[in-house]
mmCIF file of all heavy atoms, coordinates in Angstrom:
data_MODEL
# 
_entry.id   MODEL 
# 
loop_
_atom_site.group_PDB 
_atom_site.id 
_atom_site.type_symbol 
_atom_site.label_atom_id 
_atom_site.label_alt_id 
_atom_site.label_comp_id 
_atom_site.label_asym_id 
_atom_site.label_entity_id 
_atom_site.label_seq_id 
_atom_site.pdbx_PDB_ins_code 
_atom_site.Cartn_x 
_atom_site.Cartn_y 
_atom_site.Cartn_z 
_atom_site.occupancy 
_atom_site.B_iso_or_equiv 
_atom_site.pdbx_formal_charge 
_atom_site.auth_seq_id 
_atom_site.auth_comp_id 
_atom_site.auth_asym_id 
_atom_site.auth_atom_id 
_atom_site.pdbx_PDB_model_num 
ATOM 1   N N   . ASN A 1 1  ? 30.105 73.505 38.027 1.00 0.00 ? 1  ASN A N   1 
ATOM 2   C CA  . ASN A 1 1  ? 30.571 72.951 39.266 1.00 0.00 ? 1  ASN A CA  1 
ATOM 3   C C   . ASN A 1 1  ? 30.969 74.084 40.279 1.00 0.00 ? 1  ASN A C   1 
ATOM 4   O O   . ASN A 1 1  ? 30.648 73.969 41.449 1.00 0.00 ? 1  ASN A O   1 
ATOM 5   C CB  . ASN A 1 1  ? 31.738 71.984 39.058 1.00 0.00 ? 1  ASN A CB  1 
ATOM 6   C CG  . ASN A 1 1  ? 31.896 71.022 40.104 1.00 0.00 ? 1  ASN A CG  1 
ATOM 7   O OD1 . ASN A 1 1  ? 30.886 70.602 40.823 1.00 0.00 ? 1  ASN A OD1 1 
ATOM 8   N ND2 . ASN A 1 1  ? 33.087 70.605 40.456 1.00 0.00 ? 1  ASN A ND2 1 
ATOM 9   N N   . GLN A 1 2  ? 31.645 75.096 39.719 1.00 0.00 ? 2  GLN A N   1 
ATOM 10  C CA  . GLN A 1 2  ? 32.083 76.191 40.620 1.00 0.00 ? 2  GLN A CA  1 
ATOM 11  C C   . GLN A 1 2  ? 30.839 77.007 41.123 1.00 0.00 ? 2  GLN A C   1 
ATOM 12  O O   . GLN A 1 2  ? 30.814 77.384 42.292 1.00 0.00 ? 2  GLN A O   1 
ATOM 13  C CB  . GLN A 1 2  ? 33.055 77.135 39.864 1.00 0.00 ? 2  GLN A CB  1 
ATOM 14  C CG  . GLN A 1 2  ? 34.363 76.610 39.688 1.00 0.00 ? 2  GLN A CG  1 
ATOM 15  C CD  . GLN A 1 2  ? 35.130 76.460 40.986 1.00 0.00 ? 2  GLN A CD  1 
ATOM 16  O OE1 . GLN A 1 2  ? 35.377 75.301 41.429 1.00 0.00 ? 2  GLN A OE1 1 
ATOM 17  N NE2 . GLN A 1 2  ? 35.566 77.554 41.542 1.00 0.00 ? 2  GLN A NE2 1 
ATOM 18  N N   . ALA A 1 3  ? 29.840 77.148 40.253 1.00 0.00 ? 3  ALA A N   1 
ATOM 19  C CA  . ALA A 1 3  ? 28.715 78.028 40.580 1.00 0.00 ? 3  ALA A CA  1 
ATOM 20  C C   . ALA A 1 3  ? 27.769 77.316 41.522 1.00 0.00 ? 3  ALA A C   1 
ATOM 21  O O   . ALA A 1 3  ? 27.087 77.955 42.447 1.00 0.00 ? 3  ALA A O   1 
ATOM 22  C CB  . ALA A 1 3  ? 28.005 78.440 39.376 1.00 0.00 ? 3  ALA A CB  1 
ATOM 23  N N   . TYR A 1 4  ? 27.584 75.947 41.416 1.00 0.00 ? 4  TYR A N   1 
ATOM 24  C CA  . TYR A 1 4  ? 26.545 75.313 42.057 1.00 0.00 ? 4  TYR A CA  1 
ATOM 25  C C   . TYR A 1 4  ? 27.012 74.206 43.059 1.00 0.00 ? 4  TYR A C   1 
ATOM 26  O O   . TYR A 1 4  ? 26.159 73.473 43.590 1.00 0.00 ? 4  TYR A O   1 
ATOM 27  C CB  . TYR A 1 4  ? 25.466 74.720 41.110 1.00 0.00 ? 4  TYR A CB  1 
ATOM 28  C CG  . TYR A 1 4  ? 24.827 75.777 40.266 1.00 0.00 ? 4  TYR A CG  1 
ATOM 29  C CD1 . TYR A 1 4  ? 25.181 75.825 38.879 1.00 0.00 ? 4  TYR A CD1 1 
ATOM 30  C CD2 . TYR A 1 4  ? 23.797 76.528 40.720 1.00 0.00 ? 4  TYR A CD2 1 
ATOM 31  C CE1 . TYR A 1 4  ? 24.554 76.788 38.039 1.00 0.00 ? 4  TYR A CE1 1 
ATOM 32  C CE2 . TYR A 1 4  ? 23.154 77.420 39.952 1.00 0.00 ? 4  TYR A CE2 1 
ATOM 33  C CZ  . TYR A 1 4  ? 23.577 77.550 38.558 1.00 0.00 ? 4  TYR A CZ  1 
ATOM 34  O OH  . TYR A 1 4  ? 22.881 78.519 37.847 1.00 0.00 ? 4  TYR A OH  1 
ATOM 35  N N   . HIS A 1 5  ? 28.327 74.000 43.228 1.00 0.00 ? 5  HIS A N   1 
ATOM 36  C CA  . HIS A 1 5  ? 28.836 72.934 43.987 1.00 0.00 ? 5  HIS A CA  1 
ATOM 37  C C   . HIS A 1 5  ? 28.265 72.973 45.451 1.00 0.00 ? 5  HIS A C   1 
ATOM 38  O O   . HIS A 1 5  ? 27.968 71.920 46.015 1.00 0.00 ? 5  HIS A O   1 
ATOM 39  C CB  . HIS A 1 5  ? 30.345 72.947 44.047 1.00 0.00 ? 5  HIS A CB  1 
ATOM 40  C CG  . HIS A 1 5  ? 30.897 71.677 44.747 1.00 0.00 ? 5  HIS A CG  1 
ATOM 41  N ND1 . HIS A 1 5  ? 31.174 71.651 46.020 1.00 0.00 ? 5  HIS A ND1 1 
ATOM 42  C CD2 . HIS A 1 5  ? 31.237 70.522 44.185 1.00 0.00 ? 5  HIS A CD2 1 
ATOM 43  C CE1 . HIS A 1 5  ? 31.656 70.488 46.442 1.00 0.00 ? 5  HIS A CE1 1 
ATOM 44  N NE2 . HIS A 1 5  ? 31.709 69.741 45.287 1.00 0.00 ? 5  HIS A NE2 1 
ATOM 45  N N   . ASP A 1 6  ? 28.079 74.107 45.995 1.00 0.00 ? 6  ASP A N   1 
ATOM 46  C CA  . ASP A 1 6  ? 27.686 74.182 47.419 1.00 0.00 ? 6  ASP A CA  1 
ATOM 47  C C   . ASP A 1 6  ? 26.147 74.175 47.484 1.00 0.00 ? 6  ASP A C   1 
ATOM 48  O O   . ASP A 1 6  ? 25.623 74.016 48.587 1.00 0.00 ? 6  ASP A O   1 
ATOM 49  C CB  . ASP A 1 6  ? 28.182 75.477 47.987 1.00 0.00 ? 6  ASP A CB  1 
ATOM 50  C CG  . ASP A 1 6  ? 29.711 75.477 48.149 1.00 0.00 ? 6  ASP A CG  1 
ATOM 51  O OD1 . ASP A 1 6  ? 30.262 74.379 48.224 1.00 0.00 ? 6  ASP A OD1 1 
ATOM 52  O OD2 . ASP A 1 6  ? 30.299 76.587 48.098 1.00 0.00 ? 6  ASP A OD2 1 
ATOM 53  N N   . ASN A 1 7  ? 25.449 74.328 46.396 1.00 0.00 ? 7  ASN A N   1 
ATOM 54  C CA  . ASN A 1 7  ? 23.985 74.323 46.408 1.00 0.00 ? 7  ASN A CA  1 
ATOM 55  C C   . ASN A 1 7  ? 23.535 73.645 45.085 1.00 0.00 ? 7  ASN A C   1 
ATOM 56  O O   . ASN A 1 7  ? 23.010 74.291 44.161 1.00 0.00 ? 7  ASN A O   1 
ATOM 57  C CB  . ASN A 1 7  ? 23.450 75.682 46.541 1.00 0.00 ? 7  ASN A CB  1 
ATOM 58  C CG  . ASN A 1 7  ? 21.882 75.723 46.658 1.00 0.00 ? 7  ASN A CG  1 
ATOM 59  O OD1 . ASN A 1 7  ? 21.288 74.629 46.758 1.00 0.00 ? 7  ASN A OD1 1 
ATOM 60  N ND2 . ASN A 1 7  ? 21.287 76.830 46.604 1.00 0.00 ? 7  ASN A ND2 1 
ATOM 61  N N   . GLN A 1 8  ? 23.779 72.369 44.987 1.00 0.00 ? 8  GLN A N   1 
ATOM 62  C CA  . GLN A 1 8  ? 23.577 71.667 43.721 1.00 0.00 ? 8  GLN A CA  1 
ATOM 63  C C   . GLN A 1 8  ? 22.116 71.590 43.281 1.00 0.00 ? 8  GLN A C   1 
ATOM 64  O O   . GLN A 1 8  ? 21.862 71.539 42.097 1.00 0.00 ? 8  GLN A O   1 
ATOM 65  C CB  . GLN A 1 8  ? 24.168 70.247 43.842 1.00 0.00 ? 8  GLN A CB  1 
ATOM 66  C CG  . GLN A 1 8  ? 25.695 70.266 44.105 1.00 0.00 ? 8  GLN A CG  1 
ATOM 67  C CD  . GLN A 1 8  ? 26.326 68.877 44.049 1.00 0.00 ? 8  GLN A CD  1 
ATOM 68  O OE1 . GLN A 1 8  ? 25.683 67.895 43.828 1.00 0.00 ? 8  GLN A OE1 1 
ATOM 69  N NE2 . GLN A 1 8  ? 27.601 68.852 44.347 1.00 0.00 ? 8  GLN A NE2 1 
ATOM 70  N N   . SER A 1 9  ? 21.199 71.610 44.156 1.00 0.00 ? 9  SER A N   1 
ATOM 71  C CA  . SER A 1 9  ? 19.761 71.581 43.842 1.00 0.00 ? 9  SER A CA  1 
ATOM 72  C C   . SER A 1 9  ? 19.393 72.910 43.105 1.00 0.00 ? 9  SER A C   1 
ATOM 73  O O   . SER A 1 9  ? 18.331 72.914 42.374 1.00 0.00 ? 9  SER A O   1 
ATOM 74  C CB  . SER A 1 9  ? 18.917 71.381 45.076 1.00 0.00 ? 9  SER A CB  1 
ATOM 75  O OG  . SER A 1 9  ? 19.121 72.454 46.011 1.00 0.00 ? 9  SER A OG  1 
ATOM 76  N N   . GLN A 1 10 ? 20.165 73.929 43.249 1.00 0.00 ? 10 GLN A N   1 
ATOM 77  C CA  . GLN A 1 10 ? 19.874 75.243 42.605 1.00 0.00 ? 10 GLN A CA  1 
ATOM 78  C C   . GLN A 1 10 ? 19.852 75.008 41.094 1.00 0.00 ? 10 GLN A C   1 
ATOM 79  O O   . GLN A 1 10 ? 19.064 75.554 40.353 1.00 0.00 ? 10 GLN A O   1 
ATOM 80  C CB  . GLN A 1 10 ? 20.668 76.374 43.069 1.00 0.00 ? 10 GLN A CB  1 
ATOM 81  C CG  . GLN A 1 10 ? 20.344 77.754 42.426 1.00 0.00 ? 10 GLN A CG  1 
ATOM 82  C CD  . GLN A 1 10 ? 21.299 78.829 42.910 1.00 0.00 ? 10 GLN A CD  1 
ATOM 83  O OE1 . GLN A 1 10 ? 22.231 78.589 43.619 1.00 0.00 ? 10 GLN A OE1 1 
ATOM 84  N NE2 . GLN A 1 10 ? 21.044 80.040 42.506 1.00 0.00 ? 10 GLN A NE2 1 
ATOM 85  N N   . PHE A 1 11 ? 20.799 74.172 40.630 1.00 0.00 ? 11 PHE A N   1 
ATOM 86  C CA  . PHE A 1 11 ? 20.999 73.989 39.202 1.00 0.00 ? 11 PHE A CA  1 
ATOM 87  C C   . PHE A 1 11 ? 19.787 73.001 38.777 1.00 0.00 ? 11 PHE A C   1 
ATOM 88  O O   . PHE A 1 11 ? 19.134 73.336 37.743 1.00 0.00 ? 11 PHE A O   1 
ATOM 89  C CB  . PHE A 1 11 ? 22.362 73.314 38.897 1.00 0.00 ? 11 PHE A CB  1 
ATOM 90  C CG  . PHE A 1 11 ? 22.500 72.882 37.491 1.00 0.00 ? 11 PHE A CG  1 
ATOM 91  C CD1 . PHE A 1 11 ? 22.791 73.861 36.517 1.00 0.00 ? 11 PHE A CD1 1 
ATOM 92  C CD2 . PHE A 1 11 ? 22.332 71.620 37.135 1.00 0.00 ? 11 PHE A CD2 1 
ATOM 93  C CE1 . PHE A 1 11 ? 22.975 73.466 35.201 1.00 0.00 ? 11 PHE A CE1 1 
ATOM 94  C CE2 . PHE A 1 11 ? 22.519 71.216 35.791 1.00 0.00 ? 11 PHE A CE2 1 
ATOM 95  C CZ  . PHE A 1 11 ? 22.865 72.188 34.833 1.00 0.00 ? 11 PHE A CZ  1 
ATOM 96  N N   . THR A 1 12 ? 19.581 71.964 39.440 1.00 0.00 ? 12 THR A N   1 
ATOM 97  C CA  . THR A 1 12 ? 18.534 71.052 38.961 1.00 0.00 ? 12 THR A CA  1 
ATOM 98  C C   . THR A 1 12 ? 17.125 71.620 39.139 1.00 0.00 ? 12 THR A C   1 
ATOM 99  O O   . THR A 1 12 ? 16.246 71.257 38.417 1.00 0.00 ? 12 THR A O   1 
ATOM 100 C CB  . THR A 1 12 ? 18.592 69.744 39.765 1.00 0.00 ? 12 THR A CB  1 
ATOM 101 O OG1 . THR A 1 12 ? 18.466 69.993 41.194 1.00 0.00 ? 12 THR A OG1 1 
ATOM 102 C CG2 . THR A 1 12 ? 19.919 69.017 39.513 1.00 0.00 ? 12 THR A CG2 1 
ATOM 103 N N   . ASP A 1 13 ? 16.941 72.596 40.114 1.00 0.00 ? 13 ASP A N   1 
ATOM 104 C CA  . ASP A 1 13 ? 15.692 73.262 40.242 1.00 0.00 ? 13 ASP A CA  1 
ATOM 105 C C   . ASP A 1 13 ? 15.305 73.953 38.910 1.00 0.00 ? 13 ASP A C   1 
ATOM 106 O O   . ASP A 1 13 ? 14.086 73.984 38.515 1.00 0.00 ? 13 ASP A O   1 
ATOM 107 C CB  . ASP A 1 13 ? 15.713 74.314 41.364 1.00 0.00 ? 13 ASP A CB  1 
ATOM 108 C CG  . ASP A 1 13 ? 15.637 73.563 42.713 1.00 0.00 ? 13 ASP A CG  1 
ATOM 109 O OD1 . ASP A 1 13 ? 15.346 72.378 42.773 1.00 0.00 ? 13 ASP A OD1 1 
ATOM 110 O OD2 . ASP A 1 13 ? 15.942 74.237 43.739 1.00 0.00 ? 13 ASP A OD2 1 
ATOM 111 N N   . HIS A 1 14 ? 16.302 74.543 38.245 1.00 0.00 ? 14 HIS A N   1 
ATOM 112 C CA  . HIS A 1 14 ? 16.010 75.132 36.957 1.00 0.00 ? 14 HIS A CA  1 
ATOM 113 C C   . HIS A 1 14 ? 15.462 74.155 35.990 1.00 0.00 ? 14 HIS A C   1 
ATOM 114 O O   . HIS A 1 14 ? 14.541 74.445 35.217 1.00 0.00 ? 14 HIS A O   1 
ATOM 115 C CB  . HIS A 1 14 ? 17.254 75.833 36.389 1.00 0.00 ? 14 HIS A CB  1 
ATOM 116 C CG  . HIS A 1 14 ? 17.617 77.187 36.995 1.00 0.00 ? 14 HIS A CG  1 
ATOM 117 N ND1 . HIS A 1 14 ? 16.828 78.251 36.905 1.00 0.00 ? 14 HIS A ND1 1 
ATOM 118 C CD2 . HIS A 1 14 ? 18.662 77.541 37.817 1.00 0.00 ? 14 HIS A CD2 1 
ATOM 119 C CE1 . HIS A 1 14 ? 17.317 79.336 37.505 1.00 0.00 ? 14 HIS A CE1 1 
ATOM 120 N NE2 . HIS A 1 14 ? 18.421 78.875 38.043 1.00 0.00 ? 14 HIS A NE2 1 
ATOM 121 N N   . LEU A 1 15 ? 16.129 73.048 35.888 1.00 0.00 ? 15 LEU A N   1 
ATOM 122 C CA  . LEU A 1 15 ? 15.673 71.951 34.955 1.00 0.00 ? 15 LEU A CA  1 
ATOM 123 C C   . LEU A 1 15 ? 14.293 71.537 35.215 1.00 0.00 ? 15 LEU A C   1 
ATOM 124 O O   . LEU A 1 15 ? 13.523 71.274 34.297 1.00 0.00 ? 15 LEU A O   1 
ATOM 125 C CB  . LEU A 1 15 ? 16.668 70.803 35.011 1.00 0.00 ? 15 LEU A CB  1 
ATOM 126 C CG  . LEU A 1 15 ? 18.113 71.113 34.889 1.00 0.00 ? 15 LEU A CG  1 
ATOM 127 C CD1 . LEU A 1 15 ? 18.958 69.835 34.933 1.00 0.00 ? 15 LEU A CD1 1 
ATOM 128 C CD2 . LEU A 1 15 ? 18.440 71.913 33.617 1.00 0.00 ? 15 LEU A CD2 1 
ATOM 129 N N   . TYR A 1 16 ? 13.918 71.468 36.499 1.00 0.00 ? 16 TYR A N   1 
ATOM 130 C CA  . TYR A 1 16 ? 12.581 71.027 36.859 1.00 0.00 ? 16 TYR A CA  1 
ATOM 131 C C   . TYR A 1 16 ? 11.575 72.160 36.609 1.00 0.00 ? 16 TYR A C   1 
ATOM 132 O O   . TYR A 1 16 ? 10.382 71.910 36.186 1.00 0.00 ? 16 TYR A O   1 
ATOM 133 C CB  . TYR A 1 16 ? 12.542 70.610 38.334 1.00 0.00 ? 16 TYR A CB  1 
ATOM 134 C CG  . TYR A 1 16 ? 13.045 69.209 38.616 1.00 0.00 ? 16 TYR A CG  1 
ATOM 135 C CD1 . TYR A 1 16 ? 14.328 68.846 38.137 1.00 0.00 ? 16 TYR A CD1 1 
ATOM 136 C CD2 . TYR A 1 16 ? 12.314 68.256 39.234 1.00 0.00 ? 16 TYR A CD2 1 
ATOM 137 C CE1 . TYR A 1 16 ? 14.834 67.512 38.372 1.00 0.00 ? 16 TYR A CE1 1 
ATOM 138 C CE2 . TYR A 1 16 ? 12.730 66.967 39.429 1.00 0.00 ? 16 TYR A CE2 1 
ATOM 139 C CZ  . TYR A 1 16 ? 14.003 66.606 38.949 1.00 0.00 ? 16 TYR A CZ  1 
ATOM 140 O OH  . TYR A 1 16 ? 14.481 65.339 39.221 1.00 0.00 ? 16 TYR A OH  1 
ATOM 141 N N   . GLU A 1 17 ? 11.988 73.450 36.804 1.00 0.00 ? 17 GLU A N   1 
ATOM 142 C CA  . GLU A 1 17 ? 11.158 74.569 36.451 1.00 0.00 ? 17 GLU A CA  1 
ATOM 143 C C   . GLU A 1 17 ? 10.837 74.616 35.000 1.00 0.00 ? 17 GLU A C   1 
ATOM 144 O O   . GLU A 1 17 ? 9.744  75.038 34.583 1.00 0.00 ? 17 GLU A O   1 
ATOM 145 C CB  . GLU A 1 17 ? 11.813 75.846 36.891 1.00 0.00 ? 17 GLU A CB  1 
ATOM 146 C CG  . GLU A 1 17 ? 11.830 76.102 38.388 1.00 0.00 ? 17 GLU A CG  1 
ATOM 147 C CD  . GLU A 1 17 ? 12.791 77.286 38.757 1.00 0.00 ? 17 GLU A CD  1 
ATOM 148 O OE1 . GLU A 1 17 ? 13.243 77.957 37.779 1.00 0.00 ? 17 GLU A OE1 1 
ATOM 149 O OE2 . GLU A 1 17 ? 12.940 77.523 39.964 1.00 0.00 ? 17 GLU A OE2 1 
ATOM 150 N N   . TRP A 1 18 ? 11.777 74.125 34.146 1.00 0.00 ? 18 TRP A N   1 
ATOM 151 C CA  . TRP A 1 18 ? 11.578 74.093 32.719 1.00 0.00 ? 18 TRP A CA  1 
ATOM 152 C C   . TRP A 1 18 ? 10.880 72.820 32.288 1.00 0.00 ? 18 TRP A C   1 
ATOM 153 O O   . TRP A 1 18 ? 10.748 72.544 31.056 1.00 0.00 ? 18 TRP A O   1 
ATOM 154 C CB  . TRP A 1 18 ? 12.916 74.225 32.027 1.00 0.00 ? 18 TRP A CB  1 
ATOM 155 C CG  . TRP A 1 18 ? 13.579 75.509 32.297 1.00 0.00 ? 18 TRP A CG  1 
ATOM 156 C CD1 . TRP A 1 18 ? 13.035 76.680 32.622 1.00 0.00 ? 18 TRP A CD1 1 
ATOM 157 C CD2 . TRP A 1 18 ? 15.018 75.779 32.345 1.00 0.00 ? 18 TRP A CD2 1 
ATOM 158 N NE1 . TRP A 1 18 ? 13.992 77.682 32.769 1.00 0.00 ? 18 TRP A NE1 1 
ATOM 159 C CE2 . TRP A 1 18 ? 15.271 77.071 32.636 1.00 0.00 ? 18 TRP A CE2 1 
ATOM 160 C CE3 . TRP A 1 18 ? 16.145 74.965 32.110 1.00 0.00 ? 18 TRP A CE3 1 
ATOM 161 C CZ2 . TRP A 1 18 ? 16.511 77.658 32.804 1.00 0.00 ? 18 TRP A CZ2 1 
ATOM 162 C CZ3 . TRP A 1 18 ? 17.351 75.561 32.245 1.00 0.00 ? 18 TRP A CZ3 1 
ATOM 163 C CH2 . TRP A 1 18 ? 17.536 76.883 32.584 1.00 0.00 ? 18 TRP A CH2 1 
ATOM 164 N N   . HIS A 1 19 ? 10.470 71.928 33.280 1.00 0.00 ? 19 HIS A N   1 
ATOM 165 C CA  . HIS A 1 19 ? 9.734  70.728 33.052 1.00 0.00 ? 19 HIS A CA  1 
ATOM 166 C C   . HIS A 1 19 ? 10.463 69.704 32.247 1.00 0.00 ? 19 HIS A C   1 
ATOM 167 O O   . HIS A 1 19 ? 9.876  68.901 31.535 1.00 0.00 ? 19 HIS A O   1 
ATOM 168 C CB  . HIS A 1 19 ? 8.332  71.058 32.453 1.00 0.00 ? 19 HIS A CB  1 
ATOM 169 C CG  . HIS A 1 19 ? 7.497  71.973 33.238 1.00 0.00 ? 19 HIS A CG  1 
ATOM 170 N ND1 . HIS A 1 19 ? 6.729  71.577 34.314 1.00 0.00 ? 19 HIS A ND1 1 
ATOM 171 C CD2 . HIS A 1 19 ? 7.386  73.344 33.102 1.00 0.00 ? 19 HIS A CD2 1 
ATOM 172 C CE1 . HIS A 1 19 ? 6.106  72.649 34.803 1.00 0.00 ? 19 HIS A CE1 1 
ATOM 173 N NE2 . HIS A 1 19 ? 6.493  73.737 34.108 1.00 0.00 ? 19 HIS A NE2 1 
ATOM 174 N N   . LEU A 1 20 ? 11.790 69.739 32.248 1.00 0.00 ? 20 LEU A N   1 
ATOM 175 C CA  . LEU A 1 20 ? 12.537 68.803 31.498 1.00 0.00 ? 20 LEU A CA  1 
ATOM 176 C C   . LEU A 1 20 ? 12.452 67.358 31.982 1.00 0.00 ? 20 LEU A C   1 
ATOM 177 O O   . LEU A 1 20 ? 12.781 66.432 31.373 1.00 0.00 ? 20 LEU A O   1 
ATOM 178 C CB  . LEU A 1 20 ? 14.039 69.243 31.448 1.00 0.00 ? 20 LEU A CB  1 
ATOM 179 C CG  . LEU A 1 20 ? 14.363 70.531 30.785 1.00 0.00 ? 20 LEU A CG  1 
ATOM 180 C CD1 . LEU A 1 20 ? 15.857 70.795 30.762 1.00 0.00 ? 20 LEU A CD1 1 
ATOM 181 C CD2 . LEU A 1 20 ? 13.901 70.608 29.335 1.00 0.00 ? 20 LEU A CD2 1 
ATOM 182 N N   . ASN A 1 21 ? 11.994 67.220 33.300 1.00 0.00 ? 21 ASN A N   1 
ATOM 183 C CA  . ASN A 1 21 ? 11.761 65.890 33.881 1.00 0.00 ? 21 ASN A CA  1 
ATOM 184 C C   . ASN A 1 21 ? 10.411 65.342 33.568 1.00 0.00 ? 21 ASN A C   1 
ATOM 185 O O   . ASN A 1 21 ? 10.116 64.259 34.038 1.00 0.00 ? 21 ASN A O   1 
ATOM 186 C CB  . ASN A 1 21 ? 12.010 65.979 35.382 1.00 0.00 ? 21 ASN A CB  1 
ATOM 187 C CG  . ASN A 1 21 ? 10.975 66.931 36.072 1.00 0.00 ? 21 ASN A CG  1 
ATOM 188 O OD1 . ASN A 1 21 ? 10.680 68.011 35.520 1.00 0.00 ? 21 ASN A OD1 1 
ATOM 189 N ND2 . ASN A 1 21 ? 10.414 66.531 37.187 1.00 0.00 ? 21 ASN A ND2 1 
ATOM 190 N N   . GLU A 1 22 ? 9.553  66.053 32.885 1.00 0.00 ? 22 GLU A N   1 
ATOM 191 C CA  . GLU A 1 22 ? 8.207  65.600 32.591 1.00 0.00 ? 22 GLU A CA  1 
ATOM 192 C C   . GLU A 1 22 ? 7.976  65.269 31.123 1.00 0.00 ? 22 GLU A C   1 
ATOM 193 O O   . GLU A 1 22 ? 8.638  65.835 30.241 1.00 0.00 ? 22 GLU A O   1 
ATOM 194 C CB  . GLU A 1 22 ? 7.180  66.721 33.014 1.00 0.00 ? 22 GLU A CB  1 
ATOM 195 C CG  . GLU A 1 22 ? 7.285  67.087 34.478 1.00 0.00 ? 22 GLU A CG  1 
ATOM 196 C CD  . GLU A 1 22 ? 6.464  68.306 34.830 1.00 0.00 ? 22 GLU A CD  1 
ATOM 197 O OE1 . GLU A 1 22 ? 5.666  68.779 33.923 1.00 0.00 ? 22 GLU A OE1 1 
ATOM 198 O OE2 . GLU A 1 22 ? 6.512  68.799 36.014 1.00 0.00 ? 22 GLU A OE2 1 
ATOM 199 N N   . LYS A 1 23 ? 7.014  64.410 30.904 1.00 0.00 ? 23 LYS A N   1 
ATOM 200 C CA  . LYS A 1 23 ? 6.642  64.108 29.561 1.00 0.00 ? 23 LYS A CA  1 
ATOM 201 C C   . LYS A 1 23 ? 5.908  65.317 28.921 1.00 0.00 ? 23 LYS A C   1 
ATOM 202 O O   . LYS A 1 23 ? 5.397  66.212 29.582 1.00 0.00 ? 23 LYS A O   1 
ATOM 203 C CB  . LYS A 1 23 ? 5.607  62.937 29.496 1.00 0.00 ? 23 LYS A CB  1 
ATOM 204 C CG  . LYS A 1 23 ? 6.285  61.603 29.806 1.00 0.00 ? 23 LYS A CG  1 
ATOM 205 C CD  . LYS A 1 23 ? 5.232  60.493 29.594 1.00 0.00 ? 23 LYS A CD  1 
ATOM 206 C CE  . LYS A 1 23 ? 5.864  59.152 29.819 1.00 0.00 ? 23 LYS A CE  1 
ATOM 207 N NZ  . LYS A 1 23 ? 4.862  58.081 29.541 1.00 0.00 ? 23 LYS A NZ  1 
ATOM 208 N N   . LEU A 1 24 ? 5.943  65.392 27.628 1.00 0.00 ? 24 LEU A N   1 
ATOM 209 C CA  . LEU A 1 24 ? 5.325  66.546 26.890 1.00 0.00 ? 24 LEU A CA  1 
ATOM 210 C C   . LEU A 1 24 ? 3.864  66.396 26.745 1.00 0.00 ? 24 LEU A C   1 
ATOM 211 O O   . LEU A 1 24 ? 3.161  67.366 26.405 1.00 0.00 ? 24 LEU A O   1 
ATOM 212 C CB  . LEU A 1 24 ? 6.001  66.676 25.514 1.00 0.00 ? 24 LEU A CB  1 
ATOM 213 C CG  . LEU A 1 24 ? 7.459  67.115 25.497 1.00 0.00 ? 24 LEU A CG  1 
ATOM 214 C CD1 . LEU A 1 24 ? 8.116  66.921 24.096 1.00 0.00 ? 24 LEU A CD1 1 
ATOM 215 C CD2 . LEU A 1 24 ? 7.566  68.590 25.853 1.00 0.00 ? 24 LEU A CD2 1 
ATOM 216 N N   . GLY A 1 25 ? 3.368  65.186 26.995 1.00 0.00 ? 25 GLY A N   1 
ATOM 217 C CA  . GLY A 1 25 ? 1.927  64.976 26.795 1.00 0.00 ? 25 GLY A CA  1 
ATOM 218 C C   . GLY A 1 25 ? 1.474  64.996 25.379 1.00 0.00 ? 25 GLY A C   1 
ATOM 219 O O   . GLY A 1 25 ? 0.606  65.796 24.986 1.00 0.00 ? 25 GLY A O   1 
ATOM 220 N N   . LEU A 1 26 ? 2.159  64.234 24.567 1.00 0.00 ? 26 LEU A N   1 
ATOM 221 C CA  . LEU A 1 26 ? 1.967  64.218 23.117 1.00 0.00 ? 26 LEU A CA  1 
ATOM 222 C C   . LEU A 1 26 ? 0.612  63.610 22.726 1.00 0.00 ? 26 LEU A C   1 
ATOM 223 O O   . LEU A 1 26 ? -0.021 62.929 23.470 1.00 0.00 ? 26 LEU A O   1 
ATOM 224 C CB  . LEU A 1 26 ? 3.090  63.507 22.404 1.00 0.00 ? 26 LEU A CB  1 
ATOM 225 C CG  . LEU A 1 26 ? 4.524  64.028 22.728 1.00 0.00 ? 26 LEU A CG  1 
ATOM 226 C CD1 . LEU A 1 26 ? 5.516  63.124 22.019 1.00 0.00 ? 26 LEU A CD1 1 
ATOM 227 C CD2 . LEU A 1 26 ? 4.633  65.456 22.243 1.00 0.00 ? 26 LEU A CD2 1 
ATOM 228 N N   . GLN A 1 27 ? 0.239  63.908 21.551 1.00 0.00 ? 27 GLN A N   1 
ATOM 229 C CA  . GLN A 1 27 ? -1.049 63.412 21.002 1.00 0.00 ? 27 GLN A CA  1 
ATOM 230 C C   . GLN A 1 27 ? -0.953 61.988 20.451 1.00 0.00 ? 27 GLN A C   1 
ATOM 231 O O   . GLN A 1 27 ? -1.964 61.359 20.144 1.00 0.00 ? 27 GLN A O   1 
ATOM 232 C CB  . GLN A 1 27 ? -1.562 64.309 19.847 1.00 0.00 ? 27 GLN A CB  1 
ATOM 233 C CG  . GLN A 1 27 ? -1.925 65.712 20.334 1.00 0.00 ? 27 GLN A CG  1 
ATOM 234 C CD  . GLN A 1 27 ? -2.189 66.612 19.151 1.00 0.00 ? 27 GLN A CD  1 
ATOM 235 O OE1 . GLN A 1 27 ? -1.419 66.663 18.147 1.00 0.00 ? 27 GLN A OE1 1 
ATOM 236 N NE2 . GLN A 1 27 ? -3.329 67.328 19.208 1.00 0.00 ? 27 GLN A NE2 1 
# 
């Protein structure tokens, strides 16, 4: 909260860069 409160998308951008919001495309 202290690190990203003023720029909250900076934190979620990491999660999206790691594709945590996407399916794994399993077999």
